[in-house]
Amino acid sequence: MTRPIRIALLSLAALLSACSSHPPTPQPVPRITNPAANGNADDVLIRAIGLVGTPYRYGGNTPAGGFDCSGLIGFVYRDAAGISLPRTTSQLSRMRGQSVSRNNLQSGDLVFFATSGGSKVSHAGIYVGEGRFVHAPSSGGTVRLDSLANSYWQGVYLDAKRVFGPELAHNL
């Protein structure tokens, strides 16, 4: 197989897997935070909403290059609050932190979905309040705001985690 064809096939495989990438080991991932973090959930909310319309790009993690779902989350938390989070959706879902019921979501919480079927996390977004979340949904799309009340998102919703906690001295 020639090199250009191999590269094209690898690129196609990467695009088709979108946000459903999984780390090689299934070990729990600790939460990684910056002790000097100075942002809060409101800062995260404002930054996330400000990125609506940014193009989707598999593996993307900057406004200039585009975002995939976990790249968007990592960028927003790092930029708005000085918090470093794991890179993949699977790692984000396994990080230590308070699990949050759907009825108790607050701005800044991470929401997780099984968009590939089953119960395995394959997509994530940032809850912004009033039943809405910001996410980078898929190839060809853009970062957008969606409603958890939408029947599709209700059907694939799995869990949520709170990033801001007492150890960061943020009161929500």
C-alpha atoms as a PDB file:
ATOM      1  CA  MET A   1       0.000   0.000   0.000  1.00  0.00           C
ATOM      2  CA  THR A   2       1.440   3.384  -0.918  1.00  0.00           C
ATOM      3  CA  ARG A   3       2.112   5.957   1.739  1.00  0.00           C
ATOM      4  CA  PRO A   4      -0.578   8.479   0.566  1.00  0.00           C
ATOM      5  CA  ILE A   5      -3.243   5.761   0.552  1.00  0.00           C
ATOM      6  CA  ARG A   6      -2.189   4.571   4.015  1.00  0.00           C
ATOM      7  CA  ILE A   7      -2.327   8.134   5.353  1.00  0.00           C
ATOM      8  CA  ALA A   8      -5.756   8.667   3.763  1.00  0.00           C
ATOM      9  CA  LEU A   9      -7.091   5.442   5.307  1.00  0.00           C
ATOM     10  CA  LEU A  10      -5.698   6.321   8.733  1.00  0.00           C
ATOM     11  CA  SER A  11      -7.223   9.804   8.480  1.00  0.00           C
ATOM     12  CA  LEU A  12     -10.577   8.333   7.503  1.00  0.00           C
ATOM     13  CA  ALA A  13     -10.476   5.897  10.423  1.00  0.00           C
ATOM     14  CA  ALA A  14      -9.660   8.761  12.804  1.00  0.00           C
ATOM     15  CA  LEU A  15     -12.547  10.868  11.503  1.00  0.00           C
ATOM     16  CA  LEU A  16     -15.008   8.007  11.778  1.00  0.00           C
ATOM     17  CA  SER A  17     -14.065   7.366  15.394  1.00  0.00           C
ATOM     18  CA  ALA A  18     -14.731  11.049  16.305  1.00  0.00           C
ATOM     19  CA  CYS A  19     -14.978  11.524  20.073  1.00  0.00           C
ATOM     20  CA  SER A  20     -15.189   7.844  20.839  1.00  0.00           C
ATOM     21  CA  SER A  21     -11.458   7.340  21.258  1.00  0.00           C
ATOM     22  CA  HIS A  22     -10.476   5.241  24.245  1.00  0.00           C
ATOM     23  CA  PRO A  23      -7.216   5.175  26.205  1.00  0.00           C
ATOM     24  CA  PRO A  24      -5.212   1.948  26.043  1.00  0.00           C
ATOM     25  CA  THR A  25      -5.588   1.094  29.735  1.00  0.00           C
ATOM     26  CA  PRO A  26      -8.855   0.990  31.676  1.00  0.00           C
ATOM     27  CA  GLN A  27      -7.344   2.287  34.924  1.00  0.00           C
ATOM     28  CA  PRO A  28      -9.077   5.151  36.747  1.00  0.00           C
ATOM     29  CA  VAL A  29      -7.653   8.529  35.879  1.00  0.00           C
ATOM     30  CA  PRO A  30      -7.052  10.974  38.720  1.00  0.00           C
ATOM     31  CA  ARG A  31      -8.343  14.470  38.427  1.00  0.00           C
ATOM     32  CA  ILE A  32      -5.577  16.864  37.501  1.00  0.00           C
ATOM     33  CA  THR A  33      -5.965  20.419  38.659  1.00  0.00           C
ATOM     34  CA  ASN A  34      -3.797  23.458  38.916  1.00  0.00           C
ATOM     35  CA  PRO A  35      -3.544  24.467  42.583  1.00  0.00           C
ATOM     36  CA  ALA A  36      -3.288  28.086  41.451  1.00  0.00           C
ATOM     37  CA  ALA A  37      -6.558  27.867  39.510  1.00  0.00           C
ATOM     38  CA  ASN A  38      -8.357  31.160  39.684  1.00  0.00           C
ATOM     39  CA  GLY A  39     -11.409  30.705  37.470  1.00  0.00           C
ATOM     40  CA  ASN A  40     -14.889  29.578  38.379  1.00  0.00           C
ATOM     41  CA  ALA A  41     -17.948  28.027  36.776  1.00  0.00           C
ATOM     42  CA  ASP A  42     -19.125  31.391  35.436  1.00  0.00           C
ATOM     43  CA  ASP A  43     -15.796  31.899  33.654  1.00  0.00           C
ATOM     44  CA  VAL A  44     -16.097  28.406  32.137  1.00  0.00           C
ATOM     45  CA  LEU A  45     -19.689  29.102  31.057  1.00  0.00           C
ATOM     46  CA  ILE A  46     -18.774  32.372  29.333  1.00  0.00           C
ATOM     47  CA  ARG A  47     -15.726  30.882  27.577  1.00  0.00           C
ATOM     48  CA  ALA A  48     -17.634  27.791  26.389  1.00  0.00           C
ATOM     49  CA  ILE A  49     -20.528  29.807  24.970  1.00  0.00           C
ATOM     50  CA  GLY A  50     -18.043  32.141  23.283  1.00  0.00           C
ATOM     51  CA  LEU A  51     -16.699  29.196  21.265  1.00  0.00           C
ATOM     52  CA  VAL A  52     -20.073  28.293  19.718  1.00  0.00           C
ATOM     53  CA  GLY A  53     -19.589  28.176  15.960  1.00  0.00           C
ATOM     54  CA  THR A  54     -15.965  26.979  16.065  1.00  0.00           C
ATOM     55  CA  PRO A  55     -15.487  24.130  13.558  1.00  0.00           C
ATOM     56  CA  TYR A  56     -15.326  20.509  14.689  1.00  0.00           C
ATOM     57  CA  ARG A  57     -12.004  18.780  14.080  1.00  0.00           C
ATOM     58  CA  TYR A  58     -11.059  15.321  15.318  1.00  0.00           C
ATOM     59  CA  GLY A  59      -8.172  15.701  17.762  1.00  0.00           C
ATOM     60  CA  GLY A  60      -8.637  19.484  17.750  1.00  0.00           C
ATOM     61  CA  ASN A  61      -8.043  21.438  20.931  1.00  0.00           C
ATOM     62  CA  THR A  62      -7.715  25.111  19.935  1.00  0.00           C
ATOM     63  CA  PRO A  63     -10.097  27.735  18.565  1.00  0.00           C
ATOM     64  CA  ALA A  64      -7.828  28.250  15.539  1.00  0.00           C
ATOM     65  CA  GLY A  65      -7.594  24.529  14.727  1.00  0.00           C
ATOM     66  CA  GLY A  66     -11.087  23.440  15.756  1.00  0.00           C
ATOM     67  CA  PHE A  67     -12.271  21.122  18.514  1.00  0.00           C
ATOM     68  CA  ASP A  68     -13.424  17.616  19.192  1.00  0.00           C
ATOM     69  CA  CYS A  69     -15.580  17.198  22.298  1.00  0.00           C
ATOM     70  CA  SER A  70     -12.805  16.475  24.796  1.00  0.00           C
ATOM     71  CA  GLY A  71     -10.482  19.033  23.196  1.00  0.00           C
ATOM     72  CA  LEU A  72     -13.155  21.689  23.708  1.00  0.00           C
ATOM     73  CA  ILE A  73     -13.564  20.745  27.370  1.00  0.00           C
ATOM     74  CA  GLY A  74      -9.827  20.735  28.020  1.00  0.00           C
ATOM     75  CA  PHE A  75      -9.302  24.081  26.315  1.00  0.00           C
ATOM     76  CA  VAL A  76     -12.189  25.808  28.106  1.00  0.00           C
ATOM     77  CA  TYR A  77     -11.138  24.657  31.583  1.00  0.00           C
ATOM     78  CA  ARG A  78      -7.477  25.439  30.999  1.00  0.00           C
ATOM     79  CA  ASP A  79      -8.151  28.845  29.437  1.00  0.00           C
ATOM     80  CA  ALA A  80     -10.996  30.054  31.657  1.00  0.00           C
ATOM     81  CA  ALA A  81     -10.119  28.488  35.004  1.00  0.00           C
ATOM     82  CA  GLY A  82      -6.485  27.307  34.906  1.00  0.00           C
ATOM     83  CA  ILE A  83      -7.595  23.684  35.361  1.00  0.00           C
ATOM     84  CA  SER A  84      -5.968  20.839  33.428  1.00  0.00           C
ATOM     85  CA  LEU A  85      -8.222  17.868  32.741  1.00  0.00           C
ATOM     86  CA  PRO A  86      -7.599  14.477  31.104  1.00  0.00           C
ATOM     87  CA  ARG A  87      -7.693  14.498  27.275  1.00  0.00           C
ATOM     88  CA  THR A  88     -10.189  11.820  26.216  1.00  0.00           C
ATOM     89  CA  THR A  89     -13.891  11.454  26.952  1.00  0.00           C
ATOM     90  CA  SER A  90     -13.249   8.090  28.573  1.00  0.00           C
ATOM     91  CA  GLN A  91     -10.576   9.539  30.861  1.00  0.00           C
ATOM     92  CA  LEU A  92     -12.799  12.507  31.712  1.00  0.00           C
ATOM     93  CA  SER A  93     -15.637  10.192  32.710  1.00  0.00           C
ATOM     94  CA  ARG A  94     -13.352   8.169  34.988  1.00  0.00           C
ATOM     95  CA  MET A  95     -11.626  11.073  36.710  1.00  0.00           C
ATOM     96  CA  ARG A  96     -12.151  11.483  40.404  1.00  0.00           C
ATOM     97  CA  GLY A  97     -14.813  13.940  41.266  1.00  0.00           C
ATOM     98  CA  GLN A  98     -18.353  14.201  42.453  1.00  0.00           C
ATOM     99  CA  SER A  99     -20.908  12.435  40.277  1.00  0.00           C
ATOM    100  CA  VAL A 100     -23.939  14.629  39.815  1.00  0.00           C
ATOM    101  CA  SER A 101     -27.514  13.555  39.175  1.00  0.00           C
ATOM    102  CA  ARG A 102     -29.239  15.066  36.184  1.00  0.00           C
ATOM    103  CA  ASN A 103     -31.589  16.983  38.505  1.00  0.00           C
ATOM    104  CA  ASN A 104     -28.668  18.643  40.311  1.00  0.00           C
ATOM    105  CA  LEU A 105     -26.581  19.833  37.363  1.00  0.00           C
ATOM    106  CA  GLN A 106     -24.855  23.189  37.747  1.00  0.00           C
ATOM    107  CA  SER A 107     -23.015  25.366  35.259  1.00  0.00           C
ATOM    108  CA  GLY A 108     -19.562  23.957  34.609  1.00  0.00           C
ATOM    109  CA  ASP A 109     -20.473  20.301  35.203  1.00  0.00           C
ATOM    110  CA  LEU A 110     -19.341  17.821  32.560  1.00  0.00           C
ATOM    111  CA  VAL A 111     -22.088  15.752  30.928  1.00  0.00           C
ATOM    112  CA  PHE A 112     -21.392  12.367  29.327  1.00  0.00           C
ATOM    113  CA  PHE A 113     -23.178  10.452  26.590  1.00  0.00           C
ATOM    114  CA  ALA A 114     -23.100   7.037  24.903  1.00  0.00           C
ATOM    115  CA  THR A 115     -23.572   8.197  21.312  1.00  0.00           C
ATOM    116  CA  SER A 116     -22.168   4.929  19.941  1.00  0.00           C
ATOM    117  CA  GLY A 117     -24.806   2.836  21.701  1.00  0.00           C
ATOM    118  CA  GLY A 118     -24.525   0.758  24.845  1.00  0.00           C
ATOM    119  CA  SER A 119     -23.277   2.296  28.054  1.00  0.00           C
ATOM    120  CA  LYS A 120     -19.733   3.285  27.100  1.00  0.00           C
ATOM    121  CA  VAL A 121     -18.927   7.008  27.139  1.00  0.00           C
ATOM    122  CA  SER A 122     -18.266   8.316  23.649  1.00  0.00           C
ATOM    123  CA  HIS A 123     -19.151  12.021  23.886  1.00  0.00           C
ATOM    124  CA  ALA A 124     -19.036  14.838  26.444  1.00  0.00           C
ATOM    125  CA  GLY A 125     -20.038  18.450  26.868  1.00  0.00           C
ATOM    126  CA  ILE A 126     -20.094  21.308  29.372  1.00  0.00           C
ATOM    127  CA  TYR A 127     -23.389  22.013  31.123  1.00  0.00           C
ATOM    128  CA  VAL A 128     -24.164  25.741  30.984  1.00  0.00           C
ATOM    129  CA  GLY A 129     -27.487  25.882  32.825  1.00  0.00           C
ATOM    130  CA  GLU A 130     -31.203  25.881  32.033  1.00  0.00           C
ATOM    131  CA  GLY A 131     -30.983  22.342  30.631  1.00  0.00           C
ATOM    132  CA  ARG A 132     -28.416  23.251  27.973  1.00  0.00           C
ATOM    133  CA  PHE A 133     -24.855  22.188  27.245  1.00  0.00           C
ATOM    134  CA  VAL A 134     -22.041  23.219  24.887  1.00  0.00           C
ATOM    135  CA  HIS A 135     -20.271  20.528  22.880  1.00  0.00           C
ATOM    136  CA  ALA A 136     -18.381  19.765  19.678  1.00  0.00           C
ATOM    137  CA  PRO A 137     -20.693  17.143  18.168  1.00  0.00           C
ATOM    138  CA  SER A 138     -19.295  15.670  14.957  1.00  0.00           C
ATOM    139  CA  SER A 139     -17.297  15.929  11.778  1.00  0.00           C
ATOM    140  CA  GLY A 140     -18.605  18.654   9.502  1.00  0.00           C
ATOM    141  CA  GLY A 141     -20.313  20.419  12.402  1.00  0.00           C
ATOM    142  CA  THR A 142     -19.432  23.223  14.760  1.00  0.00           C
ATOM    143  CA  VAL A 143     -19.349  23.756  18.510  1.00  0.00           C
ATOM    144  CA  ARG A 144     -22.944  24.332  19.498  1.00  0.00           C
ATOM    145  CA  LEU A 145     -25.459  24.647  22.293  1.00  0.00           C
ATOM    146  CA  ASP A 146     -27.961  21.806  22.689  1.00  0.00           C
ATOM    147  CA  SER A 147     -30.725  20.910  25.115  1.00  0.00           C
ATOM    148  CA  LEU A 148     -30.685  17.875  27.399  1.00  0.00           C
ATOM    149  CA  ALA A 149     -34.470  17.832  26.909  1.00  0.00           C
ATOM    150  CA  ASN A 150     -33.962  16.846  23.256  1.00  0.00           C
ATOM    151  CA  SER A 151     -35.105  13.239  22.859  1.00  0.00           C
ATOM    152  CA  TYR A 152     -31.799  12.185  21.281  1.00  0.00           C
ATOM    153  CA  TRP A 153     -29.690  13.533  24.167  1.00  0.00           C
ATOM    154  CA  GLN A 154     -32.121  12.094  26.723  1.00  0.00           C
ATOM    155  CA  GLY A 155     -31.701   8.667  25.163  1.00  0.00           C
ATOM    156  CA  VAL A 156     -27.902   8.680  25.178  1.00  0.00           C
ATOM    157  CA  TYR A 157     -27.273  10.570  28.443  1.00  0.00           C
ATOM    158  CA  LEU A 158     -25.105   8.627  30.916  1.00  0.00           C
ATOM    159  CA  ASP A 159     -23.697  10.678  33.758  1.00  0.00           C
ATOM    160  CA  ALA A 160     -22.273  13.984  34.910  1.00  0.00           C
ATOM    161  CA  LYS A 161     -19.267  15.072  36.990  1.00  0.00           C
ATOM    162  CA  ARG A 162     -18.638  18.238  38.912  1.00  0.00           C
ATOM    163  CA  VAL A 163     -15.219  19.747  38.236  1.00  0.00           C
ATOM    164  CA  PHE A 164     -15.415  22.623  40.688  1.00  0.00           C
ATOM    165  CA  GLY A 165     -15.361  21.382  44.250  1.00  0.00           C
ATOM    166  CA  PRO A 166     -14.402  22.471  47.757  1.00  0.00           C
ATOM    167  CA  GLU A 167     -10.726  21.657  47.123  1.00  0.00           C
ATOM    168  CA  LEU A 168     -10.646  24.526  44.612  1.00  0.00           C
ATOM    169  CA  ALA A 169     -12.387  26.854  47.061  1.00  0.00           C
ATOM    170  CA  HIS A 170     -15.203  27.624  44.631  1.00  0.00           C
ATOM    171  CA  ASN A 171     -18.721  27.885  45.897  1.00  0.00           C
ATOM    172  CA  LEU A 172     -21.394  27.202  43.316  1.00  0.00           C
END
